[in-house]
Amino acid sequence: MPADGFSWDTRSNGEVVIRHHGRLATILRGVRAQRFLHEVDRVDAQLLMARLTGNYRRGNERQGKNARNR
């Protein structure tokens, strides 16, 4: 995964804005935002943001051993 592709900011209303290379990727609200803020210091922040936005599988889909991946 590229280093520091994701960044995040919190808004005054509690929302978390996640950006990927400067572009808006997603906005977390409510419980998801609280959970993100709780977990971001405990795990790899880049991997967590990639999982939340769905950008964590780019490029590795065809590495599986299953026949459908060939």
PDB file of N, CA and C in Angstrom:
ATOM      1  N   MET A   1       0.845  -1.168   0.000  1.00  0.00           N
ATOM      2  CA  MET A   1       0.000   0.000   0.000  1.00  0.00           C
ATOM      3  C   MET A   1       0.895   1.237   0.000  1.00  0.00           C
ATOM      4  N   PRO A   2       0.545   2.262  -0.772  1.00  0.00           N
ATOM      5  CA  PRO A   2       1.343   3.478  -0.783  1.00  0.00           C
ATOM      6  C   PRO A   2       1.355   4.139   0.590  1.00  0.00           C
ATOM      7  N   ALA A   3       2.489   4.665   0.954  1.00  0.00           N
ATOM      8  CA  ALA A   3       2.621   5.305   2.256  1.00  0.00           C
ATOM      9  C   ALA A   3       1.795   6.585   2.299  1.00  0.00           C
ATOM     10  N   ASP A   4       1.054   6.753   3.362  1.00  0.00           N
ATOM     11  CA  ASP A   4       0.285   7.969   3.631  1.00  0.00           C
ATOM     12  C   ASP A   4      -0.622   8.380   2.482  1.00  0.00           C
ATOM     13  N   GLY A   5      -1.335   7.435   1.914  1.00  0.00           N
ATOM     14  CA  GLY A   5      -2.306   7.763   0.874  1.00  0.00           C
ATOM     15  C   GLY A   5      -3.578   8.344   1.455  1.00  0.00           C
ATOM     16  N   PHE A   6      -3.866   8.000   2.705  1.00  0.00           N
ATOM     17  CA  PHE A   6      -5.092   8.441   3.361  1.00  0.00           C
ATOM     18  C   PHE A   6      -4.785   9.494   4.414  1.00  0.00           C
ATOM     19  N   SER A   7      -5.734  10.402   4.600  1.00  0.00           N
ATOM     20  CA  SER A   7      -5.668  11.372   5.692  1.00  0.00           C
ATOM     21  C   SER A   7      -7.081  11.515   6.254  1.00  0.00           C
ATOM     22  N   TRP A   8      -7.175  12.027   7.461  1.00  0.00           N
ATOM     23  CA  TRP A   8      -8.489  12.183   8.075  1.00  0.00           C
ATOM     24  C   TRP A   8      -8.527  13.428   8.941  1.00  0.00           C
ATOM     25  N   ASP A   9      -9.726  13.984   9.063  1.00  0.00           N
ATOM     26  CA  ASP A   9      -9.982  15.153   9.897  1.00  0.00           C
ATOM     27  C   ASP A   9     -11.295  14.931  10.635  1.00  0.00           C
ATOM     28  N   THR A  10     -11.411  15.584  11.785  1.00  0.00           N
ATOM     29  CA  THR A  10     -12.684  15.540  12.501  1.00  0.00           C
ATOM     30  C   THR A  10     -13.359  16.899  12.370  1.00  0.00           C
ATOM     31  N   ARG A  11     -14.659  16.862  12.291  1.00  0.00           N
ATOM     32  CA  ARG A  11     -15.450  18.087  12.233  1.00  0.00           C
ATOM     33  C   ARG A  11     -16.012  18.379  13.618  1.00  0.00           C
ATOM     34  N   SER A  12     -16.475  19.597  13.803  1.00  0.00           N
ATOM     35  CA  SER A  12     -16.989  19.989  15.119  1.00  0.00           C
ATOM     36  C   SER A  12     -18.251  19.223  15.511  1.00  0.00           C
ATOM     37  N   ASN A  13     -18.970  18.673  14.532  1.00  0.00           N
ATOM     38  CA  ASN A  13     -20.187  17.923  14.848  1.00  0.00           C
ATOM     39  C   ASN A  13     -19.911  16.439  15.088  1.00  0.00           C
ATOM     40  N   GLY A  14     -18.636  16.034  15.119  1.00  0.00           N
ATOM     41  CA  GLY A  14     -18.276  14.657  15.415  1.00  0.00           C
ATOM     42  C   GLY A  14     -18.036  13.790  14.199  1.00  0.00           C
ATOM     43  N   GLU A  15     -18.280  14.303  13.012  1.00  0.00           N
ATOM     44  CA  GLU A  15     -18.041  13.533  11.795  1.00  0.00           C
ATOM     45  C   GLU A  15     -16.546  13.406  11.530  1.00  0.00           C
ATOM     46  N   VAL A  16     -16.169  12.306  10.894  1.00  0.00           N
ATOM     47  CA  VAL A  16     -14.782  12.077  10.499  1.00  0.00           C
ATOM     48  C   VAL A  16     -14.744  12.032   8.979  1.00  0.00           C
ATOM     49  N   VAL A  17     -13.909  12.882   8.389  1.00  0.00           N
ATOM     50  CA  VAL A  17     -13.766  12.941   6.938  1.00  0.00           C
ATOM     51  C   VAL A  17     -12.476  12.223   6.567  1.00  0.00           C
ATOM     52  N   ILE A  18     -12.587  11.199   5.718  1.00  0.00           N
ATOM     53  CA  ILE A  18     -11.420  10.450   5.259  1.00  0.00           C
ATOM     54  C   ILE A  18     -11.170  10.811   3.808  1.00  0.00           C
ATOM     55  N   ARG A  19      -9.931  11.185   3.518  1.00  0.00           N
ATOM     56  CA  ARG A  19      -9.536  11.554   2.154  1.00  0.00           C
ATOM     57  C   ARG A  19      -8.464  10.595   1.661  1.00  0.00           C
ATOM     58  N   HIS A  20      -8.487  10.340   0.364  1.00  0.00           N
ATOM     59  CA  HIS A  20      -7.480   9.488  -0.273  1.00  0.00           C
ATOM     60  C   HIS A  20      -6.784  10.329  -1.331  1.00  0.00           C
ATOM     61  N   HIS A  21      -5.495  10.601  -1.120  1.00  0.00           N
ATOM     62  CA  HIS A  21      -4.705  11.481  -1.988  1.00  0.00           C
ATOM     63  C   HIS A  21      -5.404  12.822  -2.199  1.00  0.00           C
ATOM     64  N   GLY A  22      -5.962  13.374  -1.121  1.00  0.00           N
ATOM     65  CA  GLY A  22      -6.573  14.689  -1.159  1.00  0.00           C
ATOM     66  C   GLY A  22      -8.024  14.726  -1.590  1.00  0.00           C
ATOM     67  N   ARG A  23      -8.549  13.626  -2.087  1.00  0.00           N
ATOM     68  CA  ARG A  23      -9.943  13.586  -2.532  1.00  0.00           C
ATOM     69  C   ARG A  23     -10.815  12.900  -1.486  1.00  0.00           C
ATOM     70  N   LEU A  24     -12.026  13.389  -1.345  1.00  0.00           N
ATOM     71  CA  LEU A  24     -12.957  12.824  -0.378  1.00  0.00           C
ATOM     72  C   LEU A  24     -13.220  11.357  -0.692  1.00  0.00           C
ATOM     73  N   ALA A  25     -13.009  10.493   0.300  1.00  0.00           N
ATOM     74  CA  ALA A  25     -13.275   9.062   0.134  1.00  0.00           C
ATOM     75  C   ALA A  25     -14.561   8.675   0.850  1.00  0.00           C
ATOM     76  N   THR A  26     -14.732   9.139   2.080  1.00  0.00           N
ATOM     77  CA  THR A  26     -15.952   8.835   2.833  1.00  0.00           C
ATOM     78  C   THR A  26     -16.075   9.776   4.024  1.00  0.00           C
ATOM     79  N   ILE A  27     -17.276   9.840   4.552  1.00  0.00           N
ATOM     80  CA  ILE A  27     -17.549  10.587   5.780  1.00  0.00           C
ATOM     81  C   ILE A  27     -18.177   9.616   6.765  1.00  0.00           C
ATOM     82  N   LEU A  28     -17.574   9.519   7.939  1.00  0.00           N
ATOM     83  CA  LEU A  28     -18.098   8.642   8.987  1.00  0.00           C
ATOM     84  C   LEU A  28     -18.899   9.483   9.969  1.00  0.00           C
ATOM     85  N   ARG A  29     -20.063   8.963  10.335  1.00  0.00           N
ATOM     86  CA  ARG A  29     -20.934   9.674  11.270  1.00  0.00           C
ATOM     87  C   ARG A  29     -21.335   8.743  12.405  1.00  0.00           C
ATOM     88  N   GLY A  30     -21.704   9.322  13.515  1.00  0.00           N
ATOM     89  CA  GLY A  30     -22.276   8.564  14.628  1.00  0.00           C
ATOM     90  C   GLY A  30     -21.343   7.523  15.211  1.00  0.00           C
ATOM     91  N   VAL A  31     -21.876   6.302  15.348  1.00  0.00           N
ATOM     92  CA  VAL A  31     -21.139   5.211  15.986  1.00  0.00           C
ATOM     93  C   VAL A  31     -19.893   4.842  15.185  1.00  0.00           C
ATOM     94  N   ARG A  32     -19.997   4.850  13.853  1.00  0.00           N
ATOM     95  CA  ARG A  32     -18.828   4.503  13.030  1.00  0.00           C
ATOM     96  C   ARG A  32     -17.698   5.509  13.242  1.00  0.00           C
ATOM     97  N   ALA A  33     -18.025   6.788  13.381  1.00  0.00           N
ATOM     98  CA  ALA A  33     -17.012   7.810  13.625  1.00  0.00           C
ATOM     99  C   ALA A  33     -16.373   7.618  14.999  1.00  0.00           C
ATOM    100  N   GLN A  34     -17.186   7.331  16.003  1.00  0.00           N
ATOM    101  CA  GLN A  34     -16.656   7.101  17.346  1.00  0.00           C
ATOM    102  C   GLN A  34     -15.751   5.878  17.378  1.00  0.00           C
ATOM    103  N   ARG A  35     -16.167   4.815  16.706  1.00  0.00           N
ATOM    104  CA  ARG A  35     -15.370   3.591  16.653  1.00  0.00           C
ATOM    105  C   ARG A  35     -14.036   3.847  15.947  1.00  0.00           C
ATOM    106  N   PHE A  36     -14.075   4.618  14.860  1.00  0.00           N
ATOM    107  CA  PHE A  36     -12.850   4.956  14.141  1.00  0.00           C
ATOM    108  C   PHE A  36     -11.889   5.722  15.041  1.00  0.00           C
ATOM    109  N   LEU A  37     -12.383   6.735  15.728  1.00  0.00           N
ATOM    110  CA  LEU A  37     -11.527   7.539  16.601  1.00  0.00           C
ATOM    111  C   LEU A  37     -10.940   6.710  17.737  1.00  0.00           C
ATOM    112  N   HIS A  38     -11.666   5.709  18.184  1.00  0.00           N
ATOM    113  CA  HIS A  38     -11.185   4.834  19.248  1.00  0.00           C
ATOM    114  C   HIS A  38     -10.100   3.892  18.734  1.00  0.00           C
ATOM    115  N   GLU A  39     -10.232   3.419  17.496  1.00  0.00           N
ATOM    116  CA  GLU A  39      -9.307   2.423  16.950  1.00  0.00           C
ATOM    117  C   GLU A  39      -8.093   3.016  16.247  1.00  0.00           C
ATOM    118  N   VAL A  40      -8.166   4.255  15.800  1.00  0.00           N
ATOM    119  CA  VAL A  40      -7.122   4.799  14.931  1.00  0.00           C
ATOM    120  C   VAL A  40      -5.749   4.842  15.618  1.00  0.00           C
ATOM    121  N   ASP A  41      -5.705   4.994  16.921  1.00  0.00           N
ATOM    122  CA  ASP A  41      -4.427   5.032  17.634  1.00  0.00           C
ATOM    123  C   ASP A  41      -3.898   3.639  17.957  1.00  0.00           C
ATOM    124  N   ARG A  42      -4.748   2.628  17.881  1.00  0.00           N
ATOM    125  CA  ARG A  42      -4.353   1.273  18.271  1.00  0.00           C
ATOM    126  C   ARG A  42      -3.845   0.427  17.114  1.00  0.00           C
ATOM    127  N   VAL A  43      -4.276   0.731  15.906  1.00  0.00           N
ATOM    128  CA  VAL A  43      -3.894  -0.072  14.738  1.00  0.00           C
ATOM    129  C   VAL A  43      -3.256   0.834  13.694  1.00  0.00           C
ATOM    130  N   ASP A  44      -2.794   0.233  12.603  1.00  0.00           N
ATOM    131  CA  ASP A  44      -2.230   1.001  11.501  1.00  0.00           C
ATOM    132  C   ASP A  44      -3.334   1.869  10.895  1.00  0.00           C
ATOM    133  N   ALA A  45      -3.186   3.169  11.001  1.00  0.00           N
ATOM    134  CA  ALA A  45      -4.232   4.087  10.556  1.00  0.00           C
ATOM    135  C   ALA A  45      -4.491   3.973   9.060  1.00  0.00           C
ATOM    136  N   GLN A  46      -3.438   3.787   8.260  1.00  0.00           N
ATOM    137  CA  GLN A  46      -3.614   3.675   6.809  1.00  0.00           C
ATOM    138  C   GLN A  46      -4.433   2.434   6.451  1.00  0.00           C
ATOM    139  N   LEU A  47      -4.153   1.327   7.099  1.00  0.00           N
ATOM    140  CA  LEU A  47      -4.891   0.100   6.828  1.00  0.00           C
ATOM    141  C   LEU A  47      -6.345   0.220   7.284  1.00  0.00           C
ATOM    142  N   LEU A  48      -6.564   0.833   8.429  1.00  0.00           N
ATOM    143  CA  LEU A  48      -7.925   1.024   8.929  1.00  0.00           C
ATOM    144  C   LEU A  48      -8.741   1.878   7.967  1.00  0.00           C
ATOM    145  N   MET A  49      -8.167   2.977   7.491  1.00  0.00           N
ATOM    146  CA  MET A  49      -8.895   3.837   6.559  1.00  0.00           C
ATOM    147  C   MET A  49      -9.124   3.137   5.225  1.00  0.00           C
ATOM    148  N   ALA A  50      -8.174   2.331   4.798  1.00  0.00           N
ATOM    149  CA  ALA A  50      -8.354   1.573   3.556  1.00  0.00           C
ATOM    150  C   ALA A  50      -9.502   0.579   3.701  1.00  0.00           C
ATOM    151  N   ARG A  51      -9.580  -0.085   4.838  1.00  0.00           N
ATOM    152  CA  ARG A  51     -10.674  -1.031   5.073  1.00  0.00           C
ATOM    153  C   ARG A  51     -12.022  -0.327   5.088  1.00  0.00           C
ATOM    154  N   LEU A  52     -12.089   0.824   5.720  1.00  0.00           N
ATOM    155  CA  LEU A  52     -13.356   1.542   5.829  1.00  0.00           C
ATOM    156  C   LEU A  52     -13.831   2.100   4.494  1.00  0.00           C
ATOM    157  N   THR A  53     -12.911   2.430   3.612  1.00  0.00           N
ATOM    158  CA  THR A  53     -13.296   3.003   2.324  1.00  0.00           C
ATOM    159  C   THR A  53     -13.408   1.962   1.231  1.00  0.00           C
ATOM    160  N   GLY A  54     -12.934   0.744   1.488  1.00  0.00           N
ATOM    161  CA  GLY A  54     -13.005  -0.295   0.468  1.00  0.00           C
ATOM    162  C   GLY A  54     -11.847  -0.285  -0.502  1.00  0.00           C
ATOM    163  N   ASN A  55     -10.796   0.486  -0.240  1.00  0.00           N
ATOM    164  CA  ASN A  55      -9.654   0.594  -1.143  1.00  0.00           C
ATOM    165  C   ASN A  55      -8.497  -0.315  -0.756  1.00  0.00           C
ATOM    166  N   TYR A  56      -8.734  -1.332   0.016  1.00  0.00           N
ATOM    167  CA  TYR A  56      -7.625  -2.139   0.491  1.00  0.00           C
ATOM    168  C   TYR A  56      -7.336  -3.335  -0.389  1.00  0.00           C
ATOM    169  N   ARG A  57      -8.153  -3.630  -1.385  1.00  0.00           N
ATOM    170  CA  ARG A  57      -7.932  -4.823  -2.199  1.00  0.00           C
ATOM    171  C   ARG A  57      -7.418  -4.487  -3.587  1.00  0.00           C
ATOM    172  N   ARG A  58      -7.138  -3.273  -3.886  1.00  0.00           N
ATOM    173  CA  ARG A  58      -6.725  -2.900  -5.227  1.00  0.00           C
ATOM    174  C   ARG A  58      -5.398  -3.561  -5.586  1.00  0.00           C
ATOM    175  N   GLY A  59      -5.414  -4.336  -6.657  1.00  0.00           N
ATOM    176  CA  GLY A  59      -4.183  -4.913  -7.167  1.00  0.00           C
ATOM    177  C   GLY A  59      -3.870  -6.309  -6.690  1.00  0.00           C
ATOM    178  N   ASN A  60      -4.501  -6.810  -5.641  1.00  0.00           N
ATOM    179  CA  ASN A  60      -4.142  -8.134  -5.149  1.00  0.00           C
ATOM    180  C   ASN A  60      -5.255  -9.157  -5.350  1.00  0.00           C
ATOM    181  N   GLU A  61      -6.279  -8.840  -6.117  1.00  0.00           N
ATOM    182  CA  GLU A  61      -7.393  -9.761  -6.296  1.00  0.00           C
ATOM    183  C   GLU A  61      -6.969 -11.033  -7.021  1.00  0.00           C
ATOM    184  N   ARG A  62      -5.999 -10.943  -7.911  1.00  0.00           N
ATOM    185  CA  ARG A  62      -5.637 -12.070  -8.753  1.00  0.00           C
ATOM    186  C   ARG A  62      -4.537 -12.938  -8.142  1.00  0.00           C
ATOM    187  N   GLN A  63      -4.166 -12.712  -6.913  1.00  0.00           N
ATOM    188  CA  GLN A  63      -3.102 -13.487  -6.293  1.00  0.00           C
ATOM    189  C   GLN A  63      -3.608 -14.742  -5.603  1.00  0.00           C
ATOM    190  N   GLY A  64      -4.908 -14.931  -5.517  1.00  0.00           N
ATOM    191  CA  GLY A  64      -5.468 -16.098  -4.852  1.00  0.00           C
ATOM    192  C   GLY A  64      -5.231 -17.367  -5.640  1.00  0.00           C
ATOM    193  N   LYS A  65      -5.277 -18.503  -4.969  1.00  0.00           N
ATOM    194  CA  LYS A  65      -5.026 -19.789  -5.611  1.00  0.00           C
ATOM    195  C   LYS A  65      -6.286 -20.398  -6.209  1.00  0.00           C
ATOM    196  N   ASN A  66      -7.423 -19.816  -5.916  1.00  0.00           N
ATOM    197  CA  ASN A  66      -8.672 -20.339  -6.441  1.00  0.00           C
ATOM    198  C   ASN A  66      -8.741 -20.126  -7.955  1.00  0.00           C
ATOM    199  N   ALA A  67      -9.347 -21.058  -8.672  1.00  0.00           N
ATOM    200  CA  ALA A  67      -9.412 -20.991 -10.131  1.00  0.00           C
ATOM    201  C   ALA A  67     -10.159 -19.757 -10.626  1.00  0.00           C
ATOM    202  N   ARG A  68     -11.111 -19.254  -9.871  1.00  0.00           N
ATOM    203  CA  ARG A  68     -11.860 -18.085 -10.329  1.00  0.00           C
ATOM    204  C   ARG A  68     -10.991 -16.826 -10.371  1.00  0.00           C
ATOM    205  N   ASN A  69      -9.847 -16.844  -9.715  1.00  0.00           N
ATOM    206  CA  ASN A  69      -8.955 -15.690  -9.671  1.00  0.00           C
ATOM    207  C   ASN A  69      -7.896 -15.713 -10.763  1.00  0.00           C
ATOM    208  N   ARG A  70      -7.968 -16.662 -11.664  1.00  0.00           N
ATOM    209  CA  ARG A  70      -6.941 -16.752 -12.713  1.00  0.00           C
ATOM    210  C   ARG A  70      -7.436 -16.236 -14.015  1.00  0.00           C
TER     211      ARG A  70
END
